[in-house]
Amino acid sequence: MVVSQFTLYADCHKGNRPSFDQAAGADLARRLYLRYQEQIAAAGIPVVSGFFQNHMSVTLCNDGPVTILLESR
């Protein structure tokens, strides 16, 4: 399942809250989201997806560690 997720790009260099200022704008993000789906389908993998920029309720079982990559100089 391909789910759009704006929170994947966050800058955590300052303060207590992540900044999403550097994330792609909606038009570019939509094109990248659709292109990603097309590439998965072209590889022969069945694709299902949510609706871009739509509120979604997703239920999952997260069985394992969570990895958050914080980059710094």
N, C-alpha and C. Protein backbone atom coordinates (compact mmCIF):
# COMPACT_ATOMS: atom_id res chain seq x y z
N MET A 1 0.84 -1.18 0.00
CA MET A 1 0.00 0.00 0.00
C MET A 1 0.89 1.24 0.00
N VAL A 2 0.60 2.16 -0.87
CA VAL A 2 1.33 3.43 -0.94
C VAL A 2 0.48 4.48 -0.23
N VAL A 3 1.05 5.09 0.80
CA VAL A 3 0.35 6.11 1.57
C VAL A 3 1.19 7.38 1.56
N SER A 4 0.59 8.49 1.14
CA SER A 4 1.33 9.75 1.17
C SER A 4 1.49 10.19 2.63
N GLN A 5 2.66 10.74 2.95
CA GLN A 5 2.92 11.08 4.34
C GLN A 5 3.83 12.30 4.38
N PHE A 6 3.25 13.46 4.68
CA PHE A 6 4.03 14.70 4.64
C PHE A 6 5.05 14.77 5.76
N THR A 7 4.87 14.01 6.81
CA THR A 7 5.78 14.10 7.94
C THR A 7 7.10 13.37 7.72
N LEU A 8 7.33 12.82 6.54
CA LEU A 8 8.58 12.11 6.29
C LEU A 8 9.77 13.04 6.15
N TYR A 9 9.55 14.31 5.91
CA TYR A 9 10.65 15.26 5.80
C TYR A 9 10.50 16.31 6.88
N ALA A 10 11.32 16.23 7.90
CA ALA A 10 11.25 17.19 8.99
C ALA A 10 12.66 17.61 9.39
N ASP A 11 12.83 18.89 9.65
CA ASP A 11 14.09 19.43 10.12
C ASP A 11 13.99 19.57 11.64
N CYS A 12 14.86 18.88 12.35
CA CYS A 12 14.81 18.88 13.81
C CYS A 12 16.00 19.60 14.44
N HIS A 13 16.60 20.54 13.70
CA HIS A 13 17.79 21.23 14.19
C HIS A 13 17.51 22.22 15.31
N LYS A 14 16.34 22.85 15.33
CA LYS A 14 16.07 23.91 16.30
C LYS A 14 14.82 23.62 17.11
N GLY A 15 14.83 24.04 18.32
CA GLY A 15 13.63 24.02 19.15
C GLY A 15 13.12 22.63 19.49
N ASN A 16 11.88 22.59 19.93
CA ASN A 16 11.25 21.35 20.37
C ASN A 16 10.33 20.73 19.34
N ARG A 17 10.11 21.43 18.25
CA ARG A 17 9.18 20.93 17.23
C ARG A 17 9.89 20.81 15.89
N PRO A 18 9.58 19.77 15.12
CA PRO A 18 10.18 19.66 13.78
C PRO A 18 9.59 20.70 12.84
N SER A 19 10.39 21.13 11.88
CA SER A 19 9.95 22.07 10.86
C SER A 19 9.76 21.31 9.55
N PHE A 20 8.68 21.61 8.84
CA PHE A 20 8.40 20.97 7.55
C PHE A 20 8.54 21.98 6.41
N ASP A 21 9.22 23.11 6.67
CA ASP A 21 9.36 24.17 5.67
C ASP A 21 10.05 23.72 4.39
N GLN A 22 10.96 22.74 4.47
CA GLN A 22 11.70 22.30 3.29
C GLN A 22 11.01 21.17 2.53
N ALA A 23 9.86 20.72 3.01
CA ALA A 23 9.12 19.65 2.32
C ALA A 23 8.62 20.18 0.98
N ALA A 24 8.42 19.29 0.02
CA ALA A 24 7.94 19.67 -1.32
C ALA A 24 6.54 20.27 -1.23
N GLY A 25 6.23 21.18 -2.13
CA GLY A 25 4.89 21.74 -2.22
C GLY A 25 3.90 20.68 -2.71
N ALA A 26 2.62 20.97 -2.57
CA ALA A 26 1.57 19.99 -2.88
C ALA A 26 1.62 19.49 -4.32
N ASP A 27 1.84 20.37 -5.29
CA ASP A 27 1.85 19.94 -6.70
C ASP A 27 2.99 18.98 -6.99
N LEU A 28 4.20 19.34 -6.55
CA LEU A 28 5.35 18.47 -6.76
C LEU A 28 5.18 17.16 -6.00
N ALA A 29 4.73 17.26 -4.76
CA ALA A 29 4.54 16.06 -3.94
C ALA A 29 3.53 15.11 -4.59
N ARG A 30 2.45 15.64 -5.14
CA ARG A 30 1.45 14.79 -5.82
C ARG A 30 2.07 14.08 -7.01
N ARG A 31 2.87 14.80 -7.81
CA ARG A 31 3.51 14.18 -8.98
C ARG A 31 4.47 13.08 -8.55
N LEU A 32 5.26 13.33 -7.51
CA LEU A 32 6.19 12.32 -7.02
C LEU A 32 5.46 11.10 -6.47
N TYR A 33 4.38 11.32 -5.78
CA TYR A 33 3.54 10.25 -5.22
C TYR A 33 3.00 9.37 -6.34
N LEU A 34 2.46 9.98 -7.38
CA LEU A 34 1.90 9.22 -8.50
C LEU A 34 3.01 8.51 -9.28
N ARG A 35 4.14 9.16 -9.45
CA ARG A 35 5.26 8.54 -10.17
C ARG A 35 5.77 7.31 -9.41
N TYR A 36 5.85 7.42 -8.11
CA TYR A 36 6.28 6.29 -7.29
C TYR A 36 5.34 5.10 -7.47
N GLN A 37 4.03 5.36 -7.46
CA GLN A 37 3.05 4.30 -7.68
C GLN A 37 3.24 3.65 -9.05
N GLU A 38 3.47 4.48 -10.07
CA GLU A 38 3.67 3.97 -11.43
C GLU A 38 4.90 3.08 -11.50
N GLN A 39 5.99 3.48 -10.84
CA GLN A 39 7.22 2.69 -10.88
C GLN A 39 7.05 1.35 -10.17
N ILE A 40 6.31 1.34 -9.09
CA ILE A 40 6.05 0.08 -8.39
C ILE A 40 5.23 -0.84 -9.29
N ALA A 41 4.19 -0.30 -9.90
CA ALA A 41 3.35 -1.10 -10.80
C ALA A 41 4.15 -1.61 -11.99
N ALA A 42 5.05 -0.78 -12.54
CA ALA A 42 5.88 -1.17 -13.68
C ALA A 42 6.82 -2.31 -13.32
N ALA A 43 7.16 -2.44 -12.04
CA ALA A 43 8.02 -3.52 -11.58
C ALA A 43 7.23 -4.80 -11.35
N GLY A 44 5.92 -4.75 -11.63
CA GLY A 44 5.09 -5.94 -11.49
C GLY A 44 4.55 -6.17 -10.09
N ILE A 45 4.65 -5.17 -9.24
CA ILE A 45 4.15 -5.29 -7.87
C ILE A 45 2.75 -4.70 -7.80
N PRO A 46 1.78 -5.46 -7.31
CA PRO A 46 0.43 -4.90 -7.19
C PRO A 46 0.43 -3.68 -6.26
N VAL A 47 -0.29 -2.64 -6.67
CA VAL A 47 -0.29 -1.39 -5.92
C VAL A 47 -1.71 -1.01 -5.51
N VAL A 48 -1.87 -0.69 -4.26
CA VAL A 48 -3.08 -0.04 -3.78
C VAL A 48 -2.62 1.23 -3.08
N SER A 49 -3.47 2.24 -3.06
CA SER A 49 -3.04 3.50 -2.47
C SER A 49 -4.20 4.22 -1.81
N GLY A 50 -3.81 5.18 -0.99
CA GLY A 50 -4.79 6.07 -0.40
C GLY A 50 -5.04 7.23 -1.36
N PHE A 51 -5.69 8.26 -0.87
CA PHE A 51 -5.95 9.45 -1.66
C PHE A 51 -5.03 10.56 -1.20
N PHE A 52 -4.31 11.16 -2.14
CA PHE A 52 -3.34 12.19 -1.80
C PHE A 52 -4.04 13.39 -1.16
N GLN A 53 -3.47 13.94 -0.12
CA GLN A 53 -3.98 15.09 0.63
C GLN A 53 -5.36 14.84 1.22
N ASN A 54 -5.61 13.63 1.61
CA ASN A 54 -6.89 13.30 2.20
C ASN A 54 -6.65 12.77 3.62
N HIS A 55 -7.57 13.03 4.51
CA HIS A 55 -7.45 12.50 5.86
C HIS A 55 -7.68 10.99 5.79
N MET A 56 -6.74 10.24 6.36
CA MET A 56 -6.88 8.79 6.35
C MET A 56 -6.66 8.24 7.75
N SER A 57 -7.39 7.23 8.07
CA SER A 57 -7.19 6.52 9.32
C SER A 57 -6.60 5.16 8.96
N VAL A 58 -5.36 4.92 9.39
CA VAL A 58 -4.66 3.69 9.04
C VAL A 58 -4.38 2.91 10.31
N THR A 59 -4.73 1.65 10.31
CA THR A 59 -4.47 0.78 11.44
C THR A 59 -3.35 -0.18 11.06
N LEU A 60 -2.38 -0.33 11.96
CA LEU A 60 -1.28 -1.24 11.67
C LEU A 60 -0.74 -1.82 12.96
N CYS A 61 0.02 -2.86 12.80
CA CYS A 61 0.73 -3.44 13.93
C CYS A 61 2.20 -3.19 13.70
N ASN A 62 2.79 -2.31 14.47
CA ASN A 62 4.20 -1.97 14.32
C ASN A 62 5.00 -2.90 15.22
N ASP A 63 5.55 -3.95 14.62
CA ASP A 63 6.28 -4.97 15.37
C ASP A 63 7.76 -4.84 15.08
N GLY A 64 8.43 -3.99 15.82
CA GLY A 64 9.86 -3.82 15.59
C GLY A 64 10.30 -2.43 15.98
N PRO A 65 11.59 -2.16 15.79
CA PRO A 65 12.12 -0.85 16.19
C PRO A 65 11.70 0.25 15.23
N VAL A 66 11.71 1.45 15.74
CA VAL A 66 11.45 2.63 14.92
C VAL A 66 12.77 3.32 14.69
N THR A 67 13.05 3.69 13.45
CA THR A 67 14.30 4.36 13.12
C THR A 67 14.00 5.78 12.70
N ILE A 68 14.60 6.74 13.37
CA ILE A 68 14.48 8.15 13.01
C ILE A 68 15.88 8.64 12.69
N LEU A 69 16.09 9.09 11.48
CA LEU A 69 17.39 9.56 11.06
C LEU A 69 17.48 11.07 11.26
N LEU A 70 18.38 11.51 12.12
CA LEU A 70 18.63 12.92 12.34
C LEU A 70 20.00 13.23 11.76
N GLU A 71 20.03 14.09 10.75
CA GLU A 71 21.29 14.45 10.12
C GLU A 71 21.82 15.76 10.68
N SER A 72 23.12 15.81 10.88
CA SER A 72 23.75 17.05 11.31
C SER A 72 25.13 17.13 10.68
N ARG A 73 25.69 18.31 10.68
CA ARG A 73 27.00 18.50 10.07
C ARG A 73 28.06 18.01 10.96
